[in-house]
Amino acid sequence: MRETLREAWEWLINLPHRYHGLMLGFAVWVAWMIVGFWRMVLLAVLIALFYWFGRIWEQEGSLAGIAERLLGFLANRRRPRDGM
C-alpha cells in the first residue's frame, strides 16, 4: 500500500506544473460549487486561469519568478509616458 502511494505521489510531482495549476483550478471550482452559482462558466474560467498560471510557473521555474514578472509588468504600466 505504501509503495503504491509513493509511486502515485512521484507521478503527481513529476507532472508539468501546468497540470498542477489545472488540478488546483478544479479544486477551487469544486469548493465554489459547494457554495453555488455560475457553474459551467466559472468552471471554464477557473480551469483556463489556473492552466495559464501553471504554464507561467513552468516557464519561470518558481513562484518568485512569477511574482517578479507580474510586478515588473505592473511597474511598467504605471510609469508616465514622455510628452503627456
Protein backbone atom coordinates (compact mmCIF):
# COMPACT_ATOMS: atom_id res chain seq x y z
CA MET A 1 0.00 0.00 0.00
CA ARG A 2 2.76 2.46 0.92
CA GLU A 3 4.67 1.68 -2.26
CA THR A 4 1.57 2.36 -4.37
CA LEU A 5 1.02 5.70 -2.64
CA ARG A 6 4.68 6.59 -3.09
CA GLU A 7 4.52 5.79 -6.82
CA ALA A 8 1.32 7.83 -7.17
CA TRP A 9 2.93 10.76 -5.35
CA GLU A 10 6.04 10.61 -7.55
CA TRP A 11 3.86 10.51 -10.66
CA LEU A 12 1.93 13.57 -9.44
CA ILE A 13 5.07 15.51 -8.54
CA ASN A 14 6.70 14.77 -11.91
CA LEU A 15 3.77 16.17 -13.90
CA PRO A 16 4.35 19.53 -15.61
CA HIS A 17 3.29 22.47 -13.45
CA ARG A 18 0.52 23.40 -15.89
CA TYR A 19 -1.33 20.27 -14.75
CA HIS A 20 -0.79 21.20 -11.12
CA GLY A 21 -2.43 24.53 -11.92
CA LEU A 22 -5.23 22.69 -13.70
CA MET A 23 -5.86 20.50 -10.66
CA LEU A 24 -5.75 23.49 -8.35
CA GLY A 25 -8.29 25.29 -10.53
CA PHE A 26 -10.53 22.26 -10.45
CA ALA A 27 -10.27 22.06 -6.65
CA VAL A 28 -11.20 25.74 -6.35
CA TRP A 29 -14.14 25.12 -8.66
CA VAL A 30 -15.36 22.21 -6.52
CA ALA A 31 -15.24 24.42 -3.44
CA TRP A 32 -17.17 27.11 -5.33
CA MET A 33 -19.75 24.55 -6.45
CA ILE A 34 -20.48 23.64 -2.85
CA VAL A 35 -21.33 27.30 -2.25
CA GLY A 36 -23.12 27.59 -5.66
CA PHE A 37 -23.65 29.85 -8.80
CA TRP A 38 -22.26 30.31 -12.33
CA ARG A 39 -21.35 26.68 -12.62
CA MET A 40 -20.18 25.97 -16.12
CA VAL A 41 -18.87 29.46 -16.84
CA LEU A 42 -16.88 29.52 -13.65
CA LEU A 43 -15.50 26.05 -14.32
CA ALA A 44 -14.20 27.13 -17.71
CA VAL A 45 -12.73 30.39 -16.42
CA LEU A 46 -11.02 28.86 -13.39
CA ILE A 47 -9.54 25.95 -15.28
CA ALA A 48 -8.24 28.27 -18.02
CA LEU A 49 -6.85 30.69 -15.43
CA PHE A 50 -5.02 28.02 -13.44
CA TYR A 51 -3.82 26.28 -16.60
CA TRP A 52 -2.31 29.62 -17.67
CA PHE A 53 -0.80 30.03 -14.19
CA GLY A 54 0.71 26.53 -14.39
CA ARG A 55 2.26 27.31 -17.80
CA ILE A 56 3.85 30.51 -16.49
CA TRP A 57 5.08 28.60 -13.43
CA GLU A 58 6.62 26.05 -15.80
CA GLN A 59 8.39 28.78 -17.80
CA GLU A 60 9.63 30.77 -14.81
CA GLY A 61 10.59 27.76 -12.70
CA SER A 62 9.45 29.28 -9.40
CA LEU A 63 6.70 31.31 -7.82
CA ALA A 64 9.23 34.09 -7.15
CA GLY A 65 9.85 34.36 -10.89
CA ILE A 66 6.12 34.75 -11.50
CA ALA A 67 5.87 37.47 -8.85
CA GLU A 68 8.88 39.29 -10.34
CA ARG A 69 7.38 39.13 -13.83
CA LEU A 70 3.99 40.37 -12.60
CA LEU A 71 5.50 43.21 -10.55
CA GLY A 72 7.67 44.26 -13.48
CA PHE A 73 4.62 44.36 -15.73
CA LEU A 74 2.67 46.45 -13.21
CA ALA A 75 5.60 48.83 -12.68
CA ASN A 76 5.89 49.45 -16.43
CA ARG A 77 2.18 50.16 -16.75
CA ARG A 78 2.23 52.88 -14.09
CA ARG A 79 5.24 54.71 -15.49
CA PRO A 80 4.16 58.05 -17.01
CA ARG A 81 4.79 58.42 -20.71
CA ASP A 82 7.07 61.13 -22.06
CA GLY A 83 5.34 64.14 -23.60
CA MET A 84 1.99 63.65 -21.95
